[in-house]
Amino acid sequence: MEKKCAKRHVAVIESCVMSEIGLSHLFSTSALCMYKLHFFKDYPAFEAAALKMPFFSVMFSLSGLRAERIDCLKSLLKLAKGYPSAQRIVLAQDDTEVRLMSLLSPSSLHGIISKTLAIGLLQEQLSILLSNTHRLNQNVINDWYVSKNNGLSPTERAILHYMTYGYSMPEIAHYLSRNIKTVRAHKFNAMTKLGVHSDAGLLDAADILMHISVDRKPPAVHMVA
């Protein structure tokens, strides 16, 4: 009798029960049945389990709630440092968040996928990512976003850093010693480069830049573009 292959253990950090049900159903299909999912509500719960079980891959499901999303972003850095051999995949809220994660995150992720994809495409992309364990941010799914990154100027990055702390545009202009119109122009340029069309989208980008970047030092008060 042919011996069955052992399943690979995949950790999923997900606080939403409905998403947990959907992912369980997705991985019950033949294309992904070689993986066994283990769900955890937060990163500390995953760490406790990781002491007893080696995980092949860890999937972070980003929350729509800002506080929970920030906690997740912080945990991604801990994961890369504490479990460098584990594959790291992010399930983003939508295509915009996929683009922002691809543009602003360091090269410590194996892939970023939108949870809004059709079931068949989501299954296909997960299968591709799970089979490419050593290709950090170089998979065919995310290459398009990375190639479109024109880069943010120091002043644009400083504005995003201040935004994540809750500073208003007048306050940011004061700390950067810039005219408010100049700061707003830099803000508009950042939105154009990142492909976001609202302050909420820019705040999402600011959180990603601040909490997942390897360089998380607060910006200097006097920045030169």
C-alpha atoms as a PDB file:
ATOM      1  CA  MET A   1       0.000   0.000   0.000  1.00  0.00           C
ATOM      2  CA  GLU A   2       1.285   3.457  -0.910  1.00  0.00           C
ATOM      3  CA  LYS A   3       2.170   5.568   2.118  1.00  0.00           C
ATOM      4  CA  LYS A   4       0.275   8.846   2.408  1.00  0.00           C
ATOM      5  CA  CYS A   5       2.317  12.055   2.428  1.00  0.00           C
ATOM      6  CA  ALA A   6       2.326  13.962   5.697  1.00  0.00           C
ATOM      7  CA  LYS A   7       0.381  17.187   5.611  1.00  0.00           C
ATOM      8  CA  ARG A   8       2.193  20.478   6.002  1.00  0.00           C
ATOM      9  CA  HIS A   9       1.035  22.588   8.938  1.00  0.00           C
ATOM     10  CA  VAL A  10      -0.144  26.103   8.102  1.00  0.00           C
ATOM     11  CA  ALA A  11      -0.900  28.636  10.841  1.00  0.00           C
ATOM     12  CA  VAL A  12      -3.618  31.206  10.140  1.00  0.00           C
ATOM     13  CA  ILE A  13      -3.838  34.257  12.398  1.00  0.00           C
ATOM     14  CA  GLU A  14      -7.443  35.353  11.965  1.00  0.00           C
ATOM     15  CA  SER A  15      -9.839  36.990  14.434  1.00  0.00           C
ATOM     16  CA  CYS A  16     -12.950  36.668  12.247  1.00  0.00           C
ATOM     17  CA  VAL A  17     -14.908  33.416  12.611  1.00  0.00           C
ATOM     18  CA  MET A  18     -16.549  33.794   9.190  1.00  0.00           C
ATOM     19  CA  SER A  19     -13.172  34.114   7.458  1.00  0.00           C
ATOM     20  CA  GLU A  20     -12.007  31.043   9.362  1.00  0.00           C
ATOM     21  CA  ILE A  21     -14.944  29.047   8.027  1.00  0.00           C
ATOM     22  CA  GLY A  22     -14.301  30.242   4.478  1.00  0.00           C
ATOM     23  CA  LEU A  23     -10.602  29.346   4.565  1.00  0.00           C
ATOM     24  CA  SER A  24     -11.347  25.923   6.054  1.00  0.00           C
ATOM     25  CA  HIS A  25     -13.701  25.204   3.162  1.00  0.00           C
ATOM     26  CA  LEU A  26     -11.162  26.488   0.641  1.00  0.00           C
ATOM     27  CA  PHE A  27      -8.415  24.203   1.962  1.00  0.00           C
ATOM     28  CA  SER A  28     -10.702  21.164   1.942  1.00  0.00           C
ATOM     29  CA  THR A  29     -10.489  21.052  -1.866  1.00  0.00           C
ATOM     30  CA  SER A  30      -8.068  18.724  -3.630  1.00  0.00           C
ATOM     31  CA  ALA A  31      -5.732  21.541  -4.726  1.00  0.00           C
ATOM     32  CA  LEU A  32      -4.929  22.479  -1.125  1.00  0.00           C
ATOM     33  CA  CYS A  33      -5.756  19.323   0.809  1.00  0.00           C
ATOM     34  CA  MET A  34      -2.051  18.630   1.470  1.00  0.00           C
ATOM     35  CA  TYR A  35      -2.051  21.448   4.027  1.00  0.00           C
ATOM     36  CA  LYS A  36      -3.540  21.320   7.524  1.00  0.00           C
ATOM     37  CA  LEU A  37      -4.795  24.648   8.876  1.00  0.00           C
ATOM     38  CA  HIS A  38      -4.436  25.758  12.485  1.00  0.00           C
ATOM     39  CA  PHE A  39      -6.328  28.935  13.440  1.00  0.00           C
ATOM     40  CA  PHE A  40      -5.190  31.422  16.065  1.00  0.00           C
ATOM     41  CA  LYS A  41      -6.929  34.600  17.221  1.00  0.00           C
ATOM     42  CA  ASP A  42      -3.679  36.519  17.738  1.00  0.00           C
ATOM     43  CA  TYR A  43       0.093  36.267  17.503  1.00  0.00           C
ATOM     44  CA  PRO A  44       0.731  35.241  21.154  1.00  0.00           C
ATOM     45  CA  ALA A  45      -1.578  32.234  20.665  1.00  0.00           C
ATOM     46  CA  PHE A  46       0.418  31.245  17.564  1.00  0.00           C
ATOM     47  CA  GLU A  47       3.731  31.583  19.419  1.00  0.00           C
ATOM     48  CA  ALA A  48       2.507  29.290  22.183  1.00  0.00           C
ATOM     49  CA  ALA A  49       1.586  26.621  19.615  1.00  0.00           C
ATOM     50  CA  ALA A  50       4.842  27.111  17.663  1.00  0.00           C
ATOM     51  CA  LEU A  51       6.797  25.887  20.693  1.00  0.00           C
ATOM     52  CA  LYS A  52       5.357  22.415  20.122  1.00  0.00           C
ATOM     53  CA  MET A  53       4.748  22.311  16.366  1.00  0.00           C
ATOM     54  CA  PRO A  54       6.864  23.480  13.405  1.00  0.00           C
ATOM     55  CA  PHE A  55       4.742  25.466  10.962  1.00  0.00           C
ATOM     56  CA  PHE A  56       5.549  25.363   7.276  1.00  0.00           C
ATOM     57  CA  SER A  57       3.670  28.599   6.572  1.00  0.00           C
ATOM     58  CA  VAL A  58       2.018  31.420   8.534  1.00  0.00           C
ATOM     59  CA  MET A  59      -0.840  33.390   7.000  1.00  0.00           C
ATOM     60  CA  PHE A  60      -1.831  36.740   8.496  1.00  0.00           C
ATOM     61  CA  SER A  61      -5.361  37.916   7.760  1.00  0.00           C
ATOM     62  CA  LEU A  62      -5.416  41.716   8.023  1.00  0.00           C
ATOM     63  CA  SER A  63      -8.393  43.098   9.924  1.00  0.00           C
ATOM     64  CA  GLY A  64     -10.545  45.980   8.763  1.00  0.00           C
ATOM     65  CA  LEU A  65     -10.244  47.465  12.264  1.00  0.00           C
ATOM     66  CA  ARG A  66      -7.240  49.764  12.530  1.00  0.00           C
ATOM     67  CA  ALA A  67      -6.065  48.694  16.003  1.00  0.00           C
ATOM     68  CA  GLU A  68      -6.137  44.994  15.104  1.00  0.00           C
ATOM     69  CA  ARG A  69      -4.474  45.681  11.755  1.00  0.00           C
ATOM     70  CA  ILE A  70      -1.621  47.552  13.447  1.00  0.00           C
ATOM     71  CA  ASP A  71      -1.110  44.646  15.875  1.00  0.00           C
ATOM     72  CA  CYS A  72      -0.890  42.313  12.885  1.00  0.00           C
ATOM     73  CA  LEU A  73       1.645  44.514  11.095  1.00  0.00           C
ATOM     74  CA  LYS A  74       3.849  44.612  14.190  1.00  0.00           C
ATOM     75  CA  SER A  75       3.623  40.839  14.497  1.00  0.00           C
ATOM     76  CA  LEU A  76       4.881  40.366  10.932  1.00  0.00           C
ATOM     77  CA  LEU A  77       8.263  41.768  11.938  1.00  0.00           C
ATOM     78  CA  LYS A  78       8.350  39.505  15.006  1.00  0.00           C
ATOM     79  CA  LEU A  79       7.551  36.515  12.816  1.00  0.00           C
ATOM     80  CA  ALA A  80      10.315  37.274  10.306  1.00  0.00           C
ATOM     81  CA  LYS A  81      12.841  37.581  13.135  1.00  0.00           C
ATOM     82  CA  GLY A  82      11.650  34.740  15.360  1.00  0.00           C
ATOM     83  CA  TYR A  83      10.700  32.179  12.693  1.00  0.00           C
ATOM     84  CA  PRO A  84      12.822  32.963   9.605  1.00  0.00           C
ATOM     85  CA  SER A  85      12.271  29.535   8.037  1.00  0.00           C
ATOM     86  CA  ALA A  86       8.458  29.838   8.065  1.00  0.00           C
ATOM     87  CA  GLN A  87       6.753  31.102   4.954  1.00  0.00           C
ATOM     88  CA  ARG A  88       4.918  34.403   5.458  1.00  0.00           C
ATOM     89  CA  ILE A  89       1.729  35.262   3.536  1.00  0.00           C
ATOM     90  CA  VAL A  90      -0.606  38.223   4.078  1.00  0.00           C
ATOM     91  CA  LEU A  91      -4.316  38.103   3.281  1.00  0.00           C
ATOM     92  CA  ALA A  92      -5.228  41.749   2.627  1.00  0.00           C
ATOM     93  CA  GLN A  93      -8.662  43.351   2.779  1.00  0.00           C
ATOM     94  CA  ASP A  94      -8.735  44.356  -0.911  1.00  0.00           C
ATOM     95  CA  ASP A  95      -6.615  45.101  -3.997  1.00  0.00           C
ATOM     96  CA  THR A  96      -5.660  48.545  -2.684  1.00  0.00           C
ATOM     97  CA  GLU A  97      -4.207  47.059   0.492  1.00  0.00           C
ATOM     98  CA  VAL A  98      -2.376  44.431  -1.569  1.00  0.00           C
ATOM     99  CA  ARG A  99      -0.732  47.219  -3.565  1.00  0.00           C
ATOM    100  CA  LEU A 100       0.189  49.208  -0.445  1.00  0.00           C
ATOM    101  CA  MET A 101       1.674  46.163   1.282  1.00  0.00           C
ATOM    102  CA  SER A 102       3.692  45.328  -1.833  1.00  0.00           C
ATOM    103  CA  LEU A 103       4.975  48.876  -2.207  1.00  0.00           C
ATOM    104  CA  LEU A 104       5.770  49.627   1.427  1.00  0.00           C
ATOM    105  CA  SER A 105       6.649  46.354   3.162  1.00  0.00           C
ATOM    106  CA  PRO A 106      10.253  45.103   3.369  1.00  0.00           C
ATOM    107  CA  SER A 107      11.265  41.972   1.468  1.00  0.00           C
ATOM    108  CA  SER A 108      10.239  39.643   4.291  1.00  0.00           C
ATOM    109  CA  LEU A 109       6.965  38.388   2.819  1.00  0.00           C
ATOM    110  CA  HIS A 110       6.453  35.481   0.460  1.00  0.00           C
ATOM    111  CA  GLY A 111       3.184  36.813  -0.891  1.00  0.00           C
ATOM    112  CA  ILE A 112       0.215  39.132  -0.470  1.00  0.00           C
ATOM    113  CA  ILE A 113      -3.282  38.157  -1.627  1.00  0.00           C
ATOM    114  CA  SER A 114      -6.591  40.032  -1.633  1.00  0.00           C
ATOM    115  CA  LYS A 115      -9.433  38.358   0.271  1.00  0.00           C
ATOM    116  CA  THR A 116     -11.864  39.815  -2.287  1.00  0.00           C
ATOM    117  CA  LEU A 117     -10.682  37.514  -5.082  1.00  0.00           C
ATOM    118  CA  ALA A 118     -13.075  35.018  -6.596  1.00  0.00           C
ATOM    119  CA  ILE A 119     -12.836  31.607  -4.917  1.00  0.00           C
ATOM    120  CA  GLY A 120     -11.152  29.922  -7.865  1.00  0.00           C
ATOM    121  CA  LEU A 121      -8.506  32.620  -8.266  1.00  0.00           C
ATOM    122  CA  LEU A 122      -7.876  32.789  -4.519  1.00  0.00           C
ATOM    123  CA  GLN A 123      -7.339  29.041  -4.455  1.00  0.00           C
ATOM    124  CA  GLU A 124      -4.994  29.241  -7.441  1.00  0.00           C
ATOM    125  CA  GLN A 125      -2.870  32.035  -5.957  1.00  0.00           C
ATOM    126  CA  LEU A 126      -2.618  30.327  -2.570  1.00  0.00           C
ATOM    127  CA  SER A 127      -1.487  27.146  -4.299  1.00  0.00           C
ATOM    128  CA  ILE A 128       1.216  29.086  -6.190  1.00  0.00           C
ATOM    129  CA  LEU A 129       2.498  30.855  -3.088  1.00  0.00           C
ATOM    130  CA  LEU A 130       2.545  27.747  -0.904  1.00  0.00           C
ATOM    131  CA  SER A 131       4.623  25.933  -3.525  1.00  0.00           C
ATOM    132  CA  ASN A 132       7.216  28.742  -3.751  1.00  0.00           C
ATOM    133  CA  THR A 133       8.707  28.706  -0.274  1.00  0.00           C
ATOM    134  CA  HIS A 134      11.932  30.647  -0.880  1.00  0.00           C
ATOM    135  CA  ARG A 135      10.868  33.488  -3.178  1.00  0.00           C
ATOM    136  CA  LEU A 136      10.475  36.527  -0.958  1.00  0.00           C
ATOM    137  CA  ASN A 137       8.366  39.190  -2.709  1.00  0.00           C
ATOM    138  CA  GLN A 138       9.474  37.846  -6.095  1.00  0.00           C
ATOM    139  CA  ASN A 139       6.442  35.772  -7.047  1.00  0.00           C
ATOM    140  CA  VAL A 140       4.460  36.470 -10.190  1.00  0.00           C
ATOM    141  CA  ILE A 141       1.462  37.605  -8.170  1.00  0.00           C
ATOM    142  CA  ASN A 142       3.148  40.677  -6.695  1.00  0.00           C
ATOM    143  CA  ASP A 143       5.741  41.630  -9.346  1.00  0.00           C
ATOM    144  CA  TRP A 144       3.356  44.093 -11.045  1.00  0.00           C
ATOM    145  CA  TYR A 145       2.898  46.132  -7.893  1.00  0.00           C
ATOM    146  CA  VAL A 146       6.586  46.219  -7.016  1.00  0.00           C
ATOM    147  CA  SER A 147       7.554  47.331 -10.544  1.00  0.00           C
ATOM    148  CA  LYS A 148       5.160  50.287 -10.296  1.00  0.00           C
ATOM    149  CA  ASN A 149       6.768  51.684  -7.125  1.00  0.00           C
ATOM    150  CA  ASN A 150       8.242  55.114  -7.886  1.00  0.00           C
ATOM    151  CA  GLY A 151       9.352  55.608  -4.277  1.00  0.00           C
ATOM    152  CA  LEU A 152       8.334  58.192  -1.709  1.00  0.00           C
ATOM    153  CA  SER A 153      10.455  61.255  -1.005  1.00  0.00           C
ATOM    154  CA  PRO A 154      11.785  61.813   2.554  1.00  0.00           C
ATOM    155  CA  THR A 155       9.154  64.516   3.118  1.00  0.00           C
ATOM    156  CA  GLU A 156       6.345  62.272   1.871  1.00  0.00           C
ATOM    157  CA  ARG A 157       7.493  59.480   4.177  1.00  0.00           C
ATOM    158  CA  ALA A 158       7.697  61.940   7.070  1.00  0.00           C
ATOM    159  CA  ILE A 159       4.106  63.062   6.448  1.00  0.00           C
ATOM    160  CA  LEU A 160       2.909  59.453   6.525  1.00  0.00           C
ATOM    161  CA  HIS A 161       4.820  58.814   9.736  1.00  0.00           C
ATOM    162  CA  TYR A 162       3.210  61.795  11.423  1.00  0.00           C
ATOM    163  CA  MET A 163      -0.230  60.764  10.137  1.00  0.00           C
ATOM    164  CA  THR A 164      -0.060  57.381  11.847  1.00  0.00           C
ATOM    165  CA  TYR A 165       0.412  59.201  15.162  1.00  0.00           C
ATOM    166  CA  GLY A 166      -2.705  61.270  14.534  1.00  0.00           C
ATOM    167  CA  TYR A 167      -1.150  64.611  13.625  1.00  0.00           C
ATOM    168  CA  SER A 168      -3.240  67.002  11.514  1.00  0.00           C
ATOM    169  CA  MET A 169      -1.918  68.693   8.364  1.00  0.00           C
ATOM    170  CA  PRO A 170      -1.342  72.044  10.169  1.00  0.00           C
ATOM    171  CA  GLU A 171       0.557  70.226  12.926  1.00  0.00           C
ATOM    172  CA  ILE A 172       2.656  68.316  10.391  1.00  0.00           C
ATOM    173  CA  ALA A 173       3.437  71.574   8.578  1.00  0.00           C
ATOM    174  CA  HIS A 174       4.606  73.045  11.891  1.00  0.00           C
ATOM    175  CA  TYR A 175       6.887  70.127  12.763  1.00  0.00           C
ATOM    176  CA  LEU A 176       8.353  70.019   9.252  1.00  0.00           C
ATOM    177  CA  SER A 177       8.727  73.818   9.171  1.00  0.00           C
ATOM    178  CA  ARG A 178       6.832  73.909   5.890  1.00  0.00           C
ATOM    179  CA  ASN A 179       3.969  75.953   4.489  1.00  0.00           C
ATOM    180  CA  ILE A 180       0.627  74.126   4.807  1.00  0.00           C
ATOM    181  CA  LYS A 181       0.121  74.328   1.038  1.00  0.00           C
ATOM    182  CA  THR A 182       3.509  72.687   0.475  1.00  0.00           C
ATOM    183  CA  VAL A 183       2.670  69.882   2.894  1.00  0.00           C
ATOM    184  CA  ARG A 184      -0.675  69.297   1.187  1.00  0.00           C
ATOM    185  CA  ALA A 185       1.099  69.163  -2.177  1.00  0.00           C
ATOM    186  CA  HIS A 186       3.474  66.491  -0.829  1.00  0.00           C
ATOM    187  CA  LYS A 187       0.481  64.619   0.590  1.00  0.00           C
ATOM    188  CA  PHE A 188      -1.229  64.671  -2.814  1.00  0.00           C
ATOM    189  CA  ASN A 189       1.963  63.417  -4.500  1.00  0.00           C
ATOM    190  CA  ALA A 190       2.159  60.540  -2.010  1.00  0.00           C
ATOM    191  CA  MET A 191      -1.462  59.613  -2.687  1.00  0.00           C
ATOM    192  CA  THR A 192      -0.784  59.625  -6.438  1.00  0.00           C
ATOM    193  CA  LYS A 193       2.298  57.415  -6.110  1.00  0.00           C
ATOM    194  CA  LEU A 194       0.494  54.963  -3.830  1.00  0.00           C
ATOM    195  CA  GLY A 195      -2.721  54.919  -5.850  1.00  0.00           C
ATOM    196  CA  VAL A 196      -5.015  55.893  -2.972  1.00  0.00           C
ATOM    197  CA  HIS A 197      -7.852  58.385  -3.258  1.00  0.00           C
ATOM    198  CA  SER A 198      -8.793  59.216   0.333  1.00  0.00           C
ATOM    199  CA  ASP A 199      -7.295  60.142   3.681  1.00  0.00           C
ATOM    200  CA  ALA A 200      -8.362  56.710   4.972  1.00  0.00           C
ATOM    201  CA  GLY A 201      -6.336  55.014   2.250  1.00  0.00           C
ATOM    202  CA  LEU A 202      -3.332  57.196   2.990  1.00  0.00           C
ATOM    203  CA  LEU A 203      -3.635  56.422   6.710  1.00  0.00           C
ATOM    204  CA  ASP A 204      -3.619  52.727   5.841  1.00  0.00           C
ATOM    205  CA  ALA A 205      -0.385  53.322   3.931  1.00  0.00           C
ATOM    206  CA  ALA A 206       1.026  55.307   6.859  1.00  0.00           C
ATOM    207  CA  ASP A 207       0.313  52.433   9.261  1.00  0.00           C
ATOM    208  CA  ILE A 208       1.986  49.917   6.953  1.00  0.00           C
ATOM    209  CA  LEU A 209       5.036  52.138   6.491  1.00  0.00           C
ATOM    210  CA  MET A 210       5.352  52.822  10.216  1.00  0.00           C
ATOM    211  CA  HIS A 211       4.676  49.399  11.686  1.00  0.00           C
ATOM    212  CA  ILE A 212       6.100  46.956   9.150  1.00  0.00           C
ATOM    213  CA  SER A 213       9.108  48.895   7.863  1.00  0.00           C
ATOM    214  CA  VAL A 214      12.535  47.826   9.077  1.00  0.00           C
ATOM    215  CA  ASP A 215      13.266  51.540   9.566  1.00  0.00           C
ATOM    216  CA  ARG A 216      10.627  52.645  12.050  1.00  0.00           C
ATOM    217  CA  LYS A 217      12.428  55.647  13.561  1.00  0.00           C
ATOM    218  CA  PRO A 218      10.247  58.777  13.895  1.00  0.00           C
ATOM    219  CA  PRO A 219      11.013  61.337  11.176  1.00  0.00           C
ATOM    220  CA  ALA A 220      13.248  64.254  12.024  1.00  0.00           C
ATOM    221  CA  VAL A 221      11.528  67.581  12.601  1.00  0.00           C
ATOM    222  CA  HIS A 222      13.347  69.279   9.750  1.00  0.00           C
ATOM    223  CA  MET A 223      13.204  67.185   6.575  1.00  0.00           C
ATOM    224  CA  VAL A 224      14.470  68.158   3.127  1.00  0.00           C
ATOM    225  CA  ALA A 225      12.794  66.709   0.043  1.00  0.00           C
END
